[in-house]
């Protein structure tokens, strides 16, 4: 069973190599840079050794990048949606995409995203309620916010005398969302 999973992961990693080669060609970047990804030991360990879902998320992000470069919003949104279904991390790209692209593409991104994301979670989990419960666990029960959270948690113990994850997790998420929106908006006007 583990061998079968590893073979699936290796298959997706090979597909990622193809997609990355295609993306490099679209941006006129030499394909020799592909070696940095293909033989990087951390990539091999994460994807094949540890069986983390980032290999699938990367597939979605590469399809998304190809769809954007080829001006195919449908393909881009399918790729982004797939990536989001694998890991929630690509959600941070959405404000940037909405603020950066022309009006027609903005509407397409929002409409397709609103249509595909809930459908995918309904397909995989049965209800949106399960997805929202998972996000709630992620924010309020588990300590996935890294070193910033650990610093504030220790300060919370020092000041309040208890673990402040129940309100600190959502507060850190609001701060992160504010920073993402700020930089998305700032980048648009800086480059535009």
N, C-alpha and C. Protein backbone atom coordinates (compact mmCIF):
# COMPACT_ATOMS: atom_id res chain seq x y z
N UNK A 1 0.82 -1.20 0.00
CA UNK A 1 0.00 0.00 0.00
C UNK A 1 0.86 1.27 0.00
N UNK A 2 1.91 1.29 0.80
CA UNK A 2 2.81 2.43 0.83
C UNK A 2 3.55 2.55 -0.49
N UNK A 3 3.92 1.42 -1.07
CA UNK A 3 4.61 1.43 -2.36
C UNK A 3 3.71 2.02 -3.43
N UNK A 4 2.42 1.67 -3.40
CA UNK A 4 1.47 2.23 -4.36
C UNK A 4 1.38 3.75 -4.20
N UNK A 5 1.31 4.21 -2.95
CA UNK A 5 1.28 5.65 -2.70
C UNK A 5 2.55 6.33 -3.21
N UNK A 6 3.68 5.73 -2.97
CA UNK A 6 4.93 6.31 -3.45
C UNK A 6 4.95 6.38 -4.98
N UNK A 7 4.42 5.37 -5.63
CA UNK A 7 4.37 5.39 -7.10
C UNK A 7 3.46 6.50 -7.61
N UNK A 8 2.34 6.73 -6.92
CA UNK A 8 1.45 7.83 -7.29
C UNK A 8 2.16 9.16 -7.11
N UNK A 9 2.86 9.31 -6.00
CA UNK A 9 3.60 10.55 -5.74
C UNK A 9 4.71 10.76 -6.77
N UNK A 10 5.42 9.70 -7.12
CA UNK A 10 6.47 9.80 -8.14
C UNK A 10 5.85 10.19 -9.47
N UNK A 11 4.68 9.62 -9.80
CA UNK A 11 3.99 9.98 -11.03
C UNK A 11 3.62 11.45 -11.07
N UNK A 12 3.10 11.96 -9.97
CA UNK A 12 2.76 13.39 -9.92
C UNK A 12 4.02 14.25 -9.97
N UNK A 13 5.10 13.79 -9.37
CA UNK A 13 6.34 14.55 -9.42
C UNK A 13 6.89 14.60 -10.84
N UNK A 14 6.78 13.50 -11.58
CA UNK A 14 7.20 13.49 -12.98
C UNK A 14 6.31 14.44 -13.80
N UNK A 15 5.02 14.43 -13.51
CA UNK A 15 4.10 15.35 -14.19
C UNK A 15 4.46 16.80 -13.86
N UNK A 16 4.86 17.04 -12.61
CA UNK A 16 5.30 18.39 -12.22
C UNK A 16 6.54 18.81 -13.00
N UNK A 17 7.44 17.88 -13.25
CA UNK A 17 8.62 18.19 -14.05
C UNK A 17 8.21 18.63 -15.46
N UNK A 18 7.25 17.91 -16.04
CA UNK A 18 6.75 18.28 -17.37
C UNK A 18 6.10 19.67 -17.33
N UNK A 19 5.23 19.90 -16.33
CA UNK A 19 4.55 21.19 -16.23
C UNK A 19 5.54 22.32 -15.99
N UNK A 20 6.53 22.06 -15.17
CA UNK A 20 7.55 23.08 -14.89
C UNK A 20 8.36 23.39 -16.15
N UNK A 21 8.67 22.36 -16.92
CA UNK A 21 9.39 22.56 -18.18
C UNK A 21 8.54 23.42 -19.13
N UNK A 22 7.26 23.14 -19.17
CA UNK A 22 6.35 23.92 -20.03
C UNK A 22 6.26 25.37 -19.55
N UNK A 23 6.17 25.56 -18.25
CA UNK A 23 6.08 26.91 -17.70
C UNK A 23 7.36 27.69 -17.95
N UNK A 24 8.49 27.04 -17.80
CA UNK A 24 9.76 27.70 -18.09
C UNK A 24 9.84 28.13 -19.55
N UNK A 25 9.33 27.29 -20.44
CA UNK A 25 9.32 27.63 -21.87
C UNK A 25 8.40 28.82 -22.13
N UNK A 26 7.26 28.88 -21.45
CA UNK A 26 6.33 30.00 -21.63
C UNK A 26 6.96 31.33 -21.21
N UNK A 27 7.81 31.28 -20.21
CA UNK A 27 8.45 32.50 -19.71
C UNK A 27 9.85 32.71 -20.32
N UNK A 28 10.21 31.89 -21.30
CA UNK A 28 11.52 31.98 -21.95
C UNK A 28 12.68 31.90 -20.95
N UNK A 29 12.54 30.98 -20.02
CA UNK A 29 13.60 30.72 -19.05
C UNK A 29 14.24 29.38 -19.43
N UNK A 30 15.53 29.31 -19.37
CA UNK A 30 16.23 28.09 -19.77
C UNK A 30 15.77 26.87 -18.98
N UNK A 31 15.62 25.76 -19.71
CA UNK A 31 15.15 24.53 -19.07
C UNK A 31 16.20 23.91 -18.16
N UNK A 32 17.42 24.39 -18.21
CA UNK A 32 18.46 23.86 -17.32
C UNK A 32 18.13 24.14 -15.85
N UNK A 33 17.27 25.13 -15.60
CA UNK A 33 16.86 25.44 -14.22
C UNK A 33 15.99 24.33 -13.64
N UNK A 34 15.46 23.48 -14.48
CA UNK A 34 14.62 22.37 -14.04
C UNK A 34 15.41 21.42 -13.13
N UNK A 35 16.71 21.35 -13.35
CA UNK A 35 17.55 20.46 -12.55
C UNK A 35 17.52 20.85 -11.07
N UNK A 36 17.40 22.15 -10.79
CA UNK A 36 17.34 22.59 -9.39
C UNK A 36 16.15 21.99 -8.66
N UNK A 37 15.05 21.82 -9.36
CA UNK A 37 13.88 21.20 -8.76
C UNK A 37 14.01 19.68 -8.76
N UNK A 38 14.38 19.13 -9.88
CA UNK A 38 14.34 17.68 -10.06
C UNK A 38 15.25 16.93 -9.09
N UNK A 39 16.43 17.49 -8.80
CA UNK A 39 17.38 16.76 -7.98
C UNK A 39 17.61 17.39 -6.62
N UNK A 40 16.73 18.27 -6.22
CA UNK A 40 16.88 18.88 -4.90
C UNK A 40 16.49 17.86 -3.83
N UNK A 41 17.37 17.62 -2.86
CA UNK A 41 17.09 16.57 -1.86
C UNK A 41 15.85 16.85 -1.01
N UNK A 42 15.56 18.12 -0.71
CA UNK A 42 14.37 18.41 0.09
C UNK A 42 13.09 18.08 -0.67
N UNK A 43 13.09 18.32 -1.96
CA UNK A 43 11.92 17.99 -2.78
C UNK A 43 11.70 16.49 -2.78
N UNK A 44 12.76 15.75 -2.99
CA UNK A 44 12.65 14.29 -3.02
C UNK A 44 12.16 13.76 -1.67
N UNK A 45 12.73 14.27 -0.57
CA UNK A 45 12.32 13.80 0.76
C UNK A 45 10.87 14.16 1.10
N UNK A 46 10.47 15.38 0.78
CA UNK A 46 9.10 15.81 1.10
C UNK A 46 8.06 15.03 0.31
N UNK A 47 8.30 14.88 -0.98
CA UNK A 47 7.28 14.29 -1.83
C UNK A 47 7.27 12.77 -1.77
N UNK A 48 8.41 12.16 -1.94
CA UNK A 48 8.45 10.70 -2.03
C UNK A 48 8.74 10.08 -0.67
N UNK A 49 9.63 10.71 0.10
CA UNK A 49 9.99 10.13 1.38
C UNK A 49 8.92 10.28 2.44
N UNK A 50 8.36 11.48 2.57
CA UNK A 50 7.39 11.75 3.64
C UNK A 50 5.94 11.70 3.19
N UNK A 51 5.71 11.61 1.89
CA UNK A 51 4.36 11.53 1.32
C UNK A 51 3.48 12.71 1.75
N UNK A 52 4.02 13.91 1.66
CA UNK A 52 3.23 15.11 1.97
C UNK A 52 2.45 15.54 0.72
N UNK A 53 1.34 16.21 0.95
CA UNK A 53 0.45 16.59 -0.14
C UNK A 53 0.94 17.76 -0.99
N UNK A 54 2.08 18.31 -0.66
CA UNK A 54 2.58 19.44 -1.43
C UNK A 54 2.83 19.09 -2.89
N UNK A 55 3.11 17.83 -3.19
CA UNK A 55 3.34 17.44 -4.58
C UNK A 55 2.08 17.67 -5.40
N UNK A 56 0.91 17.41 -4.82
CA UNK A 56 -0.35 17.63 -5.53
C UNK A 56 -0.67 19.12 -5.61
N UNK A 57 -0.39 19.83 -4.52
CA UNK A 57 -0.61 21.27 -4.52
C UNK A 57 0.25 21.93 -5.59
N UNK A 58 1.49 21.50 -5.71
CA UNK A 58 2.38 22.06 -6.72
C UNK A 58 1.87 21.79 -8.13
N UNK A 59 1.29 20.62 -8.35
CA UNK A 59 0.69 20.32 -9.65
C UNK A 59 -0.38 21.34 -9.97
N UNK A 60 -1.26 21.60 -9.03
CA UNK A 60 -2.31 22.59 -9.23
C UNK A 60 -1.76 23.98 -9.48
N UNK A 61 -0.74 24.36 -8.72
CA UNK A 61 -0.16 25.70 -8.90
C UNK A 61 0.53 25.84 -10.25
N UNK A 62 1.17 24.78 -10.72
CA UNK A 62 1.81 24.84 -12.04
C UNK A 62 0.77 24.94 -13.15
N UNK A 63 -0.32 24.17 -13.02
CA UNK A 63 -1.41 24.27 -14.00
C UNK A 63 -2.01 25.68 -13.95
N UNK A 64 -2.14 26.22 -12.76
CA UNK A 64 -2.63 27.58 -12.59
C UNK A 64 -1.72 28.59 -13.29
N UNK A 65 -0.42 28.46 -13.09
CA UNK A 65 0.53 29.37 -13.73
C UNK A 65 0.50 29.28 -15.24
N UNK A 66 0.38 28.08 -15.76
CA UNK A 66 0.28 27.89 -17.21
C UNK A 66 -1.01 28.50 -17.73
N UNK A 67 -2.11 28.28 -17.02
CA UNK A 67 -3.40 28.85 -17.43
C UNK A 67 -3.38 30.37 -17.45
N UNK A 68 -2.74 30.98 -16.45
CA UNK A 68 -2.63 32.45 -16.43
C UNK A 68 -1.78 32.96 -17.58
N UNK A 69 -0.64 32.32 -17.81
CA UNK A 69 0.26 32.79 -18.87
C UNK A 69 -0.38 32.63 -20.25
N UNK A 70 -1.15 31.56 -20.44
CA UNK A 70 -1.80 31.32 -21.74
C UNK A 70 -3.15 32.03 -21.85
N UNK A 71 -3.50 32.83 -20.82
CA UNK A 71 -4.77 33.57 -20.78
C UNK A 71 -5.98 32.64 -20.92
N UNK A 72 -5.93 31.57 -20.13
CA UNK A 72 -7.02 30.59 -20.07
C UNK A 72 -7.51 30.53 -18.62
N UNK A 73 -8.43 31.45 -18.27
CA UNK A 73 -8.83 31.54 -16.85
C UNK A 73 -9.48 30.26 -16.33
N UNK A 74 -10.18 29.53 -17.19
CA UNK A 74 -10.79 28.28 -16.74
C UNK A 74 -9.74 27.28 -16.26
N UNK A 75 -8.70 27.11 -17.06
CA UNK A 75 -7.62 26.20 -16.69
C UNK A 75 -6.92 26.70 -15.43
N UNK A 76 -6.71 28.01 -15.35
CA UNK A 76 -6.05 28.59 -14.18
C UNK A 76 -6.85 28.32 -12.92
N UNK A 77 -8.15 28.53 -12.98
CA UNK A 77 -8.97 28.33 -11.78
C UNK A 77 -9.08 26.87 -11.40
N UNK A 78 -9.15 25.98 -12.38
CA UNK A 78 -9.17 24.55 -12.06
C UNK A 78 -7.88 24.17 -11.35
N UNK A 79 -6.75 24.67 -11.85
CA UNK A 79 -5.47 24.39 -11.19
C UNK A 79 -5.40 24.96 -9.78
N UNK A 80 -5.83 26.21 -9.63
CA UNK A 80 -5.80 26.84 -8.31
C UNK A 80 -6.75 26.12 -7.34
N UNK A 81 -7.91 25.75 -7.83
CA UNK A 81 -8.87 25.04 -6.98
C UNK A 81 -8.32 23.70 -6.54
N UNK A 82 -7.70 22.98 -7.47
CA UNK A 82 -7.09 21.70 -7.12
C UNK A 82 -6.01 21.90 -6.05
N UNK A 83 -5.19 22.93 -6.24
CA UNK A 83 -4.13 23.21 -5.27
C UNK A 83 -4.72 23.52 -3.89
N UNK A 84 -5.81 24.31 -3.87
CA UNK A 84 -6.44 24.67 -2.60
C UNK A 84 -7.06 23.45 -1.94
N UNK A 85 -7.59 22.53 -2.74
CA UNK A 85 -8.16 21.32 -2.16
C UNK A 85 -7.09 20.44 -1.52
N UNK A 86 -5.88 20.54 -2.01
CA UNK A 86 -4.80 19.74 -1.43
C UNK A 86 -4.24 20.39 -0.17
N UNK A 87 -4.02 21.69 -0.21
CA UNK A 87 -3.54 22.46 0.94
C UNK A 87 -4.19 23.83 0.85
N UNK A 88 -4.50 24.44 1.97
CA UNK A 88 -5.15 25.76 1.96
C UNK A 88 -4.19 26.91 1.66
N UNK A 89 -2.91 26.66 1.66
CA UNK A 89 -1.91 27.72 1.47
C UNK A 89 -2.14 28.58 0.22
N UNK A 90 -2.52 28.02 -0.95
CA UNK A 90 -2.68 28.86 -2.13
C UNK A 90 -3.82 29.88 -2.04
N UNK A 91 -4.64 29.81 -1.02
CA UNK A 91 -5.71 30.80 -0.84
C UNK A 91 -5.13 32.21 -0.76
N UNK A 92 -3.90 32.33 -0.28
CA UNK A 92 -3.30 33.65 -0.14
C UNK A 92 -3.06 34.33 -1.49
N UNK A 93 -3.12 33.59 -2.59
CA UNK A 93 -2.94 34.19 -3.92
C UNK A 93 -4.18 34.93 -4.42
N UNK A 94 -5.33 34.62 -3.88
CA UNK A 94 -6.59 35.13 -4.44
C UNK A 94 -6.69 36.65 -4.39
N UNK A 95 -6.41 37.33 -3.27
CA UNK A 95 -6.49 38.79 -3.30
C UNK A 95 -5.56 39.41 -4.34
N UNK A 96 -4.37 38.87 -4.46
CA UNK A 96 -3.42 39.37 -5.45
C UNK A 96 -3.99 39.21 -6.86
N UNK A 97 -4.59 38.06 -7.13
CA UNK A 97 -5.14 37.82 -8.47
C UNK A 97 -6.29 38.75 -8.79
N UNK A 98 -7.14 38.97 -7.80
CA UNK A 98 -8.29 39.84 -8.02
C UNK A 98 -7.85 41.28 -8.22
N UNK A 99 -6.88 41.73 -7.45
CA UNK A 99 -6.43 43.11 -7.56
C UNK A 99 -5.50 43.35 -8.75
N UNK A 100 -4.86 42.31 -9.24
CA UNK A 100 -3.83 42.49 -10.27
C UNK A 100 -4.35 42.39 -11.70
N UNK A 101 -5.39 41.65 -11.94
CA UNK A 101 -5.79 41.38 -13.31
C UNK A 101 -6.97 42.25 -13.77
N UNK A 102 -7.15 42.28 -15.07
CA UNK A 102 -8.20 43.11 -15.66
C UNK A 102 -9.58 42.63 -15.21
N UNK A 103 -10.57 43.47 -15.42
CA UNK A 103 -11.92 43.25 -14.89
C UNK A 103 -12.54 41.92 -15.32
N UNK A 104 -12.43 41.56 -16.59
CA UNK A 104 -13.02 40.31 -17.07
C UNK A 104 -12.43 39.10 -16.40
N UNK A 105 -11.11 39.11 -16.24
CA UNK A 105 -10.46 37.99 -15.59
C UNK A 105 -10.79 37.96 -14.10
N UNK A 106 -10.93 39.13 -13.49
CA UNK A 106 -11.33 39.19 -12.08
C UNK A 106 -12.67 38.51 -11.87
N UNK A 107 -13.64 38.83 -12.72
CA UNK A 107 -14.98 38.23 -12.61
C UNK A 107 -14.90 36.73 -12.83
N UNK A 108 -14.11 36.30 -13.82
CA UNK A 108 -13.95 34.87 -14.08
C UNK A 108 -13.33 34.16 -12.88
N UNK A 109 -12.30 34.77 -12.30
CA UNK A 109 -11.62 34.17 -11.16
C UNK A 109 -12.60 34.00 -10.00
N UNK A 110 -13.33 35.05 -9.68
CA UNK A 110 -14.26 34.98 -8.55
C UNK A 110 -15.38 33.98 -8.83
N UNK A 111 -15.97 34.05 -10.02
CA UNK A 111 -17.10 33.16 -10.34
C UNK A 111 -16.68 31.70 -10.35
N UNK A 112 -15.60 31.39 -11.02
CA UNK A 112 -15.15 30.00 -11.08
C UNK A 112 -14.69 29.50 -9.72
N UNK A 113 -14.04 30.37 -8.97
CA UNK A 113 -13.59 29.98 -7.64
C UNK A 113 -14.77 29.67 -6.73
N UNK A 114 -15.77 30.55 -6.76
CA UNK A 114 -16.97 30.34 -5.93
C UNK A 114 -17.70 29.07 -6.35
N UNK A 115 -17.64 28.73 -7.63
CA UNK A 115 -18.31 27.52 -8.10
C UNK A 115 -17.52 26.26 -7.77
N UNK A 116 -16.21 26.28 -7.97
CA UNK A 116 -15.42 25.07 -7.85
C UNK A 116 -15.02 24.69 -6.44
N UNK A 117 -14.67 25.65 -5.61
CA UNK A 117 -14.16 25.29 -4.28
C UNK A 117 -15.22 24.59 -3.43
N UNK A 118 -16.42 25.15 -3.29
CA UNK A 118 -17.42 24.41 -2.49
C UNK A 118 -17.77 23.05 -3.10
N UNK A 119 -17.84 22.97 -4.41
CA UNK A 119 -18.17 21.70 -5.07
C UNK A 119 -17.12 20.65 -4.75
N UNK A 120 -15.87 21.03 -4.79
CA UNK A 120 -14.80 20.09 -4.48
C UNK A 120 -14.86 19.58 -3.06
N UNK A 121 -15.15 20.48 -2.12
CA UNK A 121 -15.24 20.03 -0.74
C UNK A 121 -16.47 19.17 -0.51
N UNK A 122 -17.54 19.47 -1.22
CA UNK A 122 -18.72 18.60 -1.14
C UNK A 122 -18.39 17.22 -1.70
N UNK A 123 -17.64 17.20 -2.78
CA UNK A 123 -17.26 15.94 -3.41
C UNK A 123 -16.35 15.11 -2.52
N UNK A 124 -15.36 15.74 -1.88
CA UNK A 124 -14.38 15.01 -1.09
C UNK A 124 -14.83 14.72 0.33
N UNK A 125 -15.55 15.64 0.97
CA UNK A 125 -15.88 15.45 2.38
C UNK A 125 -17.35 15.20 2.65
N UNK A 126 -18.21 15.47 1.69
CA UNK A 126 -19.64 15.24 1.89
C UNK A 126 -20.39 16.50 2.26
N UNK A 127 -19.79 17.37 3.07
CA UNK A 127 -20.47 18.61 3.45
C UNK A 127 -19.44 19.73 3.63
N UNK A 128 -19.91 20.94 3.46
CA UNK A 128 -19.06 22.09 3.75
C UNK A 128 -18.83 22.24 5.25
N UNK A 129 -19.75 21.67 6.02
CA UNK A 129 -19.65 21.74 7.47
C UNK A 129 -18.36 21.06 7.96
N UNK A 130 -18.02 19.91 7.34
CA UNK A 130 -16.79 19.21 7.70
C UNK A 130 -15.58 20.09 7.41
N UNK A 131 -15.61 20.80 6.28
CA UNK A 131 -14.49 21.66 5.90
C UNK A 131 -14.35 22.81 6.90
N UNK A 132 -15.46 23.43 7.26
CA UNK A 132 -15.41 24.53 8.21
C UNK A 132 -14.94 24.04 9.58
N UNK A 133 -15.34 22.84 9.95
CA UNK A 133 -14.89 22.26 11.22
C UNK A 133 -13.37 22.04 11.19
N UNK A 134 -12.86 21.59 10.05
CA UNK A 134 -11.41 21.39 9.91
C UNK A 134 -10.67 22.71 10.06
N UNK A 135 -11.18 23.76 9.44
CA UNK A 135 -10.54 25.06 9.55
C UNK A 135 -10.59 25.55 10.99
N UNK A 136 -11.71 25.32 11.66
CA UNK A 136 -11.83 25.71 13.06
C UNK A 136 -10.80 24.97 13.92
N UNK A 137 -10.65 23.67 13.71
CA UNK A 137 -9.63 22.91 14.45
C UNK A 137 -8.25 23.47 14.17
N UNK A 138 -7.99 23.76 12.92
CA UNK A 138 -6.68 24.27 12.52
C UNK A 138 -6.37 25.58 13.24
N UNK A 139 -7.36 26.45 13.38
CA UNK A 139 -7.14 27.77 13.95
C UNK A 139 -7.21 27.81 15.46
N UNK A 140 -8.02 26.95 16.07
CA UNK A 140 -8.29 27.12 17.50
C UNK A 140 -7.77 25.99 18.37
N UNK A 141 -7.45 24.85 17.79
CA UNK A 141 -7.01 23.74 18.63
C UNK A 141 -5.56 23.33 18.39
N UNK A 142 -5.11 23.42 17.16
CA UNK A 142 -3.76 22.98 16.84
C UNK A 142 -2.83 24.17 16.79
N UNK A 143 -1.57 23.88 16.96
CA UNK A 143 -0.58 24.95 17.03
C UNK A 143 0.26 24.97 15.75
N UNK A 144 -0.40 25.27 14.60
CA UNK A 144 0.28 25.24 13.31
C UNK A 144 0.80 26.61 12.88
N UNK A 145 0.74 27.59 13.73
CA UNK A 145 1.13 28.92 13.31
C UNK A 145 2.62 29.20 13.51
N UNK A 146 3.36 28.21 13.90
CA UNK A 146 4.81 28.31 13.92
C UNK A 146 5.39 29.15 15.04
N UNK A 147 6.53 29.69 14.75
CA UNK A 147 7.31 30.37 15.78
C UNK A 147 6.64 31.63 16.30
N UNK A 148 5.90 32.34 15.45
CA UNK A 148 5.21 33.55 15.91
C UNK A 148 4.18 33.16 16.96
N UNK A 149 3.42 32.08 16.67
CA UNK A 149 2.44 31.62 17.64
C UNK A 149 3.11 31.21 18.95
N UNK A 150 4.21 30.46 18.85
CA UNK A 150 4.89 30.00 20.07
C UNK A 150 5.37 31.17 20.92
N UNK A 151 5.84 32.21 20.29
CA UNK A 151 6.26 33.41 21.01
C UNK A 151 5.07 34.02 21.75
N UNK A 152 3.95 34.21 21.02
CA UNK A 152 2.77 34.81 21.65
C UNK A 152 2.13 33.88 22.68
N UNK A 153 2.23 32.58 22.45
CA UNK A 153 1.69 31.63 23.43
C UNK A 153 2.43 31.76 24.75
N UNK A 154 3.76 31.83 24.67
CA UNK A 154 4.55 31.99 25.90
C UNK A 154 4.25 33.31 26.59
N UNK A 155 4.07 34.37 25.80
CA UNK A 155 3.66 35.66 26.39
C UNK A 155 2.28 35.54 27.04
N UNK A 156 1.38 34.78 26.40
CA UNK A 156 0.05 34.56 26.97
C UNK A 156 0.11 33.84 28.30
N UNK A 157 0.97 32.82 28.39
CA UNK A 157 1.15 32.13 29.66
C UNK A 157 1.71 33.07 30.71
N UNK A 158 2.63 33.92 30.30
CA UNK A 158 3.25 34.86 31.23
C UNK A 158 2.25 35.90 31.72
N UNK A 159 1.45 36.45 30.80
CA UNK A 159 0.51 37.53 31.15
C UNK A 159 -0.80 37.00 31.73
N UNK A 160 -1.41 36.00 31.04
CA UNK A 160 -2.74 35.54 31.43
C UNK A 160 -2.74 34.26 32.26
N UNK A 161 -1.66 33.48 32.17
CA UNK A 161 -1.58 32.26 32.94
C UNK A 161 -2.22 31.05 32.29
N UNK A 162 -2.60 31.12 31.01
CA UNK A 162 -3.18 29.98 30.31
C UNK A 162 -2.84 30.05 28.82
N UNK A 163 -3.10 28.93 28.11
CA UNK A 163 -2.84 28.85 26.68
C UNK A 163 -3.89 29.68 25.93
N UNK A 164 -3.46 30.65 25.19
CA UNK A 164 -4.37 31.60 24.52
C UNK A 164 -4.72 31.21 23.09
N UNK A 165 -4.55 29.93 22.71
CA UNK A 165 -4.77 29.53 21.32
C UNK A 165 -6.21 29.78 20.86
N UNK A 166 -7.18 29.70 21.75
CA UNK A 166 -8.58 29.86 21.33
C UNK A 166 -8.86 31.21 20.70
N UNK A 167 -8.17 32.26 21.13
CA UNK A 167 -8.36 33.56 20.48
C UNK A 167 -7.11 34.04 19.76
N UNK A 168 -5.95 33.48 20.10
CA UNK A 168 -4.71 33.90 19.45
C UNK A 168 -4.62 33.37 18.02
N UNK A 169 -5.08 32.13 17.79
CA UNK A 169 -5.06 31.56 16.44
C UNK A 169 -5.87 32.41 15.46
N UNK A 170 -7.15 32.70 15.76
CA UNK A 170 -7.92 33.56 14.85
C UNK A 170 -7.33 34.97 14.72
N UNK A 171 -6.78 35.52 15.82
CA UNK A 171 -6.18 36.86 15.73
C UNK A 171 -4.98 36.86 14.78
N UNK A 172 -4.13 35.85 14.86
CA UNK A 172 -3.00 35.76 13.95
C UNK A 172 -3.46 35.59 12.51
N UNK A 173 -4.56 34.87 12.31
CA UNK A 173 -5.10 34.72 10.96
C UNK A 173 -5.62 36.05 10.42
N UNK A 174 -6.26 36.84 11.27
CA UNK A 174 -6.73 38.17 10.84
C UNK A 174 -5.56 39.07 10.49
N UNK A 175 -4.51 39.02 11.28
CA UNK A 175 -3.31 39.81 10.99
C UNK A 175 -2.71 39.37 9.66
N UNK A 176 -2.61 38.06 9.46
CA UNK A 176 -2.06 37.54 8.21
C UNK A 176 -2.93 37.96 7.02
N UNK A 177 -4.26 37.87 7.18
CA UNK A 177 -5.16 38.27 6.09
C UNK A 177 -4.99 39.76 5.78
N UNK A 178 -4.87 40.57 6.81
CA UNK A 178 -4.65 42.00 6.59
C UNK A 178 -3.35 42.28 5.85
N UNK A 179 -2.29 41.57 6.22
CA UNK A 179 -1.00 41.75 5.53
C UNK A 179 -1.06 41.28 4.08
N UNK A 180 -1.76 40.17 3.85
CA UNK A 180 -1.91 39.66 2.48
C UNK A 180 -2.66 40.67 1.63
N UNK A 181 -3.76 41.21 2.16
CA UNK A 181 -4.52 42.21 1.41
C UNK A 181 -3.70 43.47 1.18
N UNK A 182 -2.97 43.90 2.19
CA UNK A 182 -2.14 45.09 2.05
C UNK A 182 -1.10 44.91 0.95
N UNK A 183 -0.36 43.81 1.00
CA UNK A 183 0.69 43.60 0.01
C UNK A 183 0.12 43.33 -1.38
N UNK A 184 -1.04 42.68 -1.45
CA UNK A 184 -1.68 42.47 -2.75
C UNK A 184 -2.06 43.81 -3.37
N UNK A 185 -2.63 44.68 -2.58
CA UNK A 185 -3.05 46.00 -3.07
C UNK A 185 -1.83 46.86 -3.39
N UNK A 186 -0.85 46.83 -2.52
CA UNK A 186 0.36 47.63 -2.71
C UNK A 186 1.11 47.20 -3.96
N UNK A 187 1.22 45.90 -4.17
CA UNK A 187 1.94 45.40 -5.34
C UNK A 187 1.25 45.83 -6.63
N UNK A 188 -0.06 45.85 -6.63
CA UNK A 188 -0.80 46.23 -7.83
C UNK A 188 -0.43 47.65 -8.24
N UNK A 189 -0.41 48.54 -7.31
CA UNK A 189 -0.14 49.94 -7.66
C UNK A 189 1.34 50.20 -7.79
N UNK A 190 2.17 49.41 -7.16
CA UNK A 190 3.61 49.56 -7.32
C UNK A 190 4.02 49.16 -8.72
N UNK A 191 3.46 48.05 -9.23
CA UNK A 191 3.82 47.55 -10.55
C UNK A 191 2.93 48.10 -11.65
N UNK A 192 1.70 48.47 -11.32
CA UNK A 192 0.72 48.87 -12.32
C UNK A 192 0.88 50.29 -12.69
